[in-house]
Amino acid sequence: TTSFVEDARSIAKEGKEITFYDSNTGKPLFVAPKGRSMEDFLKESGSHGWPSFRDEEVVWDNVRCLGDGEAVSVDGTHLGHNLPDGSGNRYCINLVSVAGRPEGGVEE
């Protein structure tokens, strides 16, 4: 187990978002929550078993969604898949793919 959920709730109490970084390059890929609460982000992610991001949480300068729904970083890291639901696009991402540290080691 990790302390991610507990840490995320602490960050939310401070009114902050979490930036998820490419595990290979350190580039930012997703920033959450945006357009919803941290509890909504955690609930959706927990119910699917994968971190689940919405369009507004994607850093499009660094992420692409291929025609078959595969989500990849612009540098080629496999991230997961877009599995749309009734609320729109839902990017289910393998946590190990976004467990990187920021380029230069300084968080945004």
C-alpha atoms as a PDB file:
ATOM      1  CA  THR A   1       0.000   0.000   0.000  1.00  0.00           C
ATOM      2  CA  THR A   2       0.925   3.599  -0.502  1.00  0.00           C
ATOM      3  CA  SER A   3      -0.136   6.812   1.166  1.00  0.00           C
ATOM      4  CA  PHE A   4      -1.376   8.314  -2.131  1.00  0.00           C
ATOM      5  CA  VAL A   5      -5.036   8.732  -1.141  1.00  0.00           C
ATOM      6  CA  GLU A   6      -4.139  10.235   2.228  1.00  0.00           C
ATOM      7  CA  ASP A   7      -1.562  12.526   0.600  1.00  0.00           C
ATOM      8  CA  ALA A   8      -4.048  13.565  -2.100  1.00  0.00           C
ATOM      9  CA  ARG A   9      -6.640  14.532   0.499  1.00  0.00           C
ATOM     10  CA  SER A  10      -4.033  16.604   2.368  1.00  0.00           C
ATOM     11  CA  ILE A  11      -3.109  18.383  -0.858  1.00  0.00           C
ATOM     12  CA  ALA A  12      -6.784  19.078  -1.571  1.00  0.00           C
ATOM     13  CA  LYS A  13      -7.223  20.645   1.882  1.00  0.00           C
ATOM     14  CA  GLU A  14      -4.496  23.100   0.877  1.00  0.00           C
ATOM     15  CA  GLY A  15      -6.471  23.933  -2.279  1.00  0.00           C
ATOM     16  CA  LYS A  16      -3.802  22.463  -4.538  1.00  0.00           C
ATOM     17  CA  GLU A  17      -3.804  20.100  -7.504  1.00  0.00           C
ATOM     18  CA  ILE A  18      -1.513  17.127  -8.139  1.00  0.00           C
ATOM     19  CA  THR A  19       0.745  17.037 -11.189  1.00  0.00           C
ATOM     20  CA  PHE A  20       1.501  13.578 -12.577  1.00  0.00           C
ATOM     21  CA  TYR A  21       4.817  13.266 -14.429  1.00  0.00           C
ATOM     22  CA  ASP A  22       6.052  10.944 -17.184  1.00  0.00           C
ATOM     23  CA  SER A  23       8.048   8.177 -15.515  1.00  0.00           C
ATOM     24  CA  ASN A  24      10.625   8.276 -18.343  1.00  0.00           C
ATOM     25  CA  THR A  25      11.080  11.984 -19.072  1.00  0.00           C
ATOM     26  CA  GLY A  26       9.716  13.894 -16.077  1.00  0.00           C
ATOM     27  CA  LYS A  27       7.382  15.964 -18.273  1.00  0.00           C
ATOM     28  CA  PRO A  28       3.994  16.854 -16.743  1.00  0.00           C
ATOM     29  CA  LEU A  29       1.179  14.751 -18.231  1.00  0.00           C
ATOM     30  CA  PHE A  30      -1.901  15.276 -16.064  1.00  0.00           C
ATOM     31  CA  VAL A  31      -3.000  17.802 -13.431  1.00  0.00           C
ATOM     32  CA  ALA A  32      -5.893  16.834 -11.194  1.00  0.00           C
ATOM     33  CA  PRO A  33      -8.414  17.611 -10.065  1.00  0.00           C
ATOM     34  CA  LYS A  34      -9.689  20.176 -12.543  1.00  0.00           C
ATOM     35  CA  GLY A  35     -13.406  20.772 -12.928  1.00  0.00           C
ATOM     36  CA  ARG A  36     -14.204  18.414 -10.048  1.00  0.00           C
ATOM     37  CA  SER A  37     -13.298  17.806  -6.441  1.00  0.00           C
ATOM     38  CA  MET A  38     -10.423  15.677  -5.214  1.00  0.00           C
ATOM     39  CA  GLU A  39     -12.995  13.299  -3.711  1.00  0.00           C
ATOM     40  CA  ASP A  40     -14.660  12.903  -7.136  1.00  0.00           C
ATOM     41  CA  PHE A  41     -11.259  12.242  -8.748  1.00  0.00           C
ATOM     42  CA  LEU A  42     -10.350   9.660  -6.075  1.00  0.00           C
ATOM     43  CA  LYS A  43     -13.780   8.011  -6.196  1.00  0.00           C
ATOM     44  CA  GLU A  44     -13.730   7.620  -9.979  1.00  0.00           C
ATOM     45  CA  SER A  45     -10.116   6.438  -9.995  1.00  0.00           C
ATOM     46  CA  GLY A  46     -10.796   3.983  -7.184  1.00  0.00           C
ATOM     47  CA  SER A  47     -13.908   2.549  -8.793  1.00  0.00           C
ATOM     48  CA  HIS A  48     -11.957   1.738 -11.963  1.00  0.00           C
ATOM     49  CA  GLY A  49      -8.727   0.710 -10.287  1.00  0.00           C
ATOM     50  CA  TRP A  50      -6.711   3.161 -12.405  1.00  0.00           C
ATOM     51  CA  PRO A  51      -6.137   6.897 -12.101  1.00  0.00           C
ATOM     52  CA  SER A  52      -8.875   8.325 -14.341  1.00  0.00           C
ATOM     53  CA  PHE A  53      -8.389  11.731 -15.900  1.00  0.00           C
ATOM     54  CA  ARG A  54     -10.766  13.932 -17.887  1.00  0.00           C
ATOM     55  CA  ASP A  55      -9.967  16.143 -20.908  1.00  0.00           C
ATOM     56  CA  GLU A  56      -9.361  19.279 -18.825  1.00  0.00           C
ATOM     57  CA  GLU A  57      -6.813  17.390 -16.683  1.00  0.00           C
ATOM     58  CA  VAL A  58      -4.623  16.345 -19.643  1.00  0.00           C
ATOM     59  CA  VAL A  59      -1.464  18.345 -20.446  1.00  0.00           C
ATOM     60  CA  TRP A  60      -2.016  18.179 -24.211  1.00  0.00           C
ATOM     61  CA  ASP A  61       1.440  19.567 -25.000  1.00  0.00           C
ATOM     62  CA  ASN A  62       2.829  16.258 -23.694  1.00  0.00           C
ATOM     63  CA  VAL A  63       0.050  13.687 -24.284  1.00  0.00           C
ATOM     64  CA  ARG A  64      -1.520  12.180 -27.404  1.00  0.00           C
ATOM     65  CA  CYS A  65      -4.483   9.877 -27.823  1.00  0.00           C
ATOM     66  CA  LEU A  66      -4.075   7.530 -30.793  1.00  0.00           C
ATOM     67  CA  GLY A  67      -6.893   6.392 -33.079  1.00  0.00           C
ATOM     68  CA  ASP A  68      -7.284   3.097 -31.227  1.00  0.00           C
ATOM     69  CA  GLY A  69      -7.724   4.940 -27.913  1.00  0.00           C
ATOM     70  CA  GLU A  70      -4.200   4.330 -26.613  1.00  0.00           C
ATOM     71  CA  ALA A  71      -2.861   7.269 -24.596  1.00  0.00           C
ATOM     72  CA  VAL A  72       0.873   7.929 -24.998  1.00  0.00           C
ATOM     73  CA  SER A  73       3.294  10.677 -24.082  1.00  0.00           C
ATOM     74  CA  VAL A  74       4.801  12.662 -26.942  1.00  0.00           C
ATOM     75  CA  ASP A  75       8.039  10.832 -26.123  1.00  0.00           C
ATOM     76  CA  GLY A  76       6.463   7.397 -26.579  1.00  0.00           C
ATOM     77  CA  THR A  77       5.643   6.287 -23.030  1.00  0.00           C
ATOM     78  CA  HIS A  78       2.546   4.067 -23.016  1.00  0.00           C
ATOM     79  CA  LEU A  79       0.173   5.650 -20.503  1.00  0.00           C
ATOM     80  CA  GLY A  80      -3.102   3.764 -20.794  1.00  0.00           C
ATOM     81  CA  HIS A  81      -6.327   4.133 -22.784  1.00  0.00           C
ATOM     82  CA  ASN A  82      -9.231   6.480 -23.364  1.00  0.00           C
ATOM     83  CA  LEU A  83     -12.393   4.695 -22.243  1.00  0.00           C
ATOM     84  CA  PRO A  84     -15.194   7.231 -22.799  1.00  0.00           C
ATOM     85  CA  ASP A  85     -18.272   7.045 -20.616  1.00  0.00           C
ATOM     86  CA  GLY A  86     -21.482   9.024 -20.247  1.00  0.00           C
ATOM     87  CA  SER A  87     -19.512  12.011 -18.901  1.00  0.00           C
ATOM     88  CA  GLY A  88     -17.054  12.180 -21.822  1.00  0.00           C
ATOM     89  CA  ASN A  89     -13.497  11.044 -22.364  1.00  0.00           C
ATOM     90  CA  ARG A  90     -11.963   9.125 -19.471  1.00  0.00           C
ATOM     91  CA  TYR A  91      -8.244   8.407 -19.664  1.00  0.00           C
ATOM     92  CA  CYS A  92      -7.484   5.341 -17.530  1.00  0.00           C
ATOM     93  CA  ILE A  93      -3.776   5.563 -16.870  1.00  0.00           C
ATOM     94  CA  ASN A  94      -1.308   3.020 -15.511  1.00  0.00           C
ATOM     95  CA  LEU A  95      -0.013   4.624 -12.321  1.00  0.00           C
ATOM     96  CA  VAL A  96       3.556   3.454 -12.936  1.00  0.00           C
ATOM     97  CA  SER A  97       3.550   5.495 -16.182  1.00  0.00           C
ATOM     98  CA  VAL A  98       2.852   8.734 -14.312  1.00  0.00           C
ATOM     99  CA  ALA A  99       4.943   8.085 -11.217  1.00  0.00           C
ATOM    100  CA  GLY A 100       7.877  10.147 -12.450  1.00  0.00           C
ATOM    101  CA  ARG A 101       9.572  13.143 -10.935  1.00  0.00           C
ATOM    102  CA  PRO A 102       9.565  16.506 -12.710  1.00  0.00           C
ATOM    103  CA  GLU A 103      12.337  17.437 -15.104  1.00  0.00           C
ATOM    104  CA  GLY A 104      15.115  19.014 -13.032  1.00  0.00           C
ATOM    105  CA  GLY A 105      13.603  17.561  -9.845  1.00  0.00           C
ATOM    106  CA  VAL A 106      11.458  20.622  -8.972  1.00  0.00           C
ATOM    107  CA  GLU A 107       7.701  20.150  -8.683  1.00  0.00           C
ATOM    108  CA  GLU A 108       5.431  22.632 -10.441  1.00  0.00           C
END
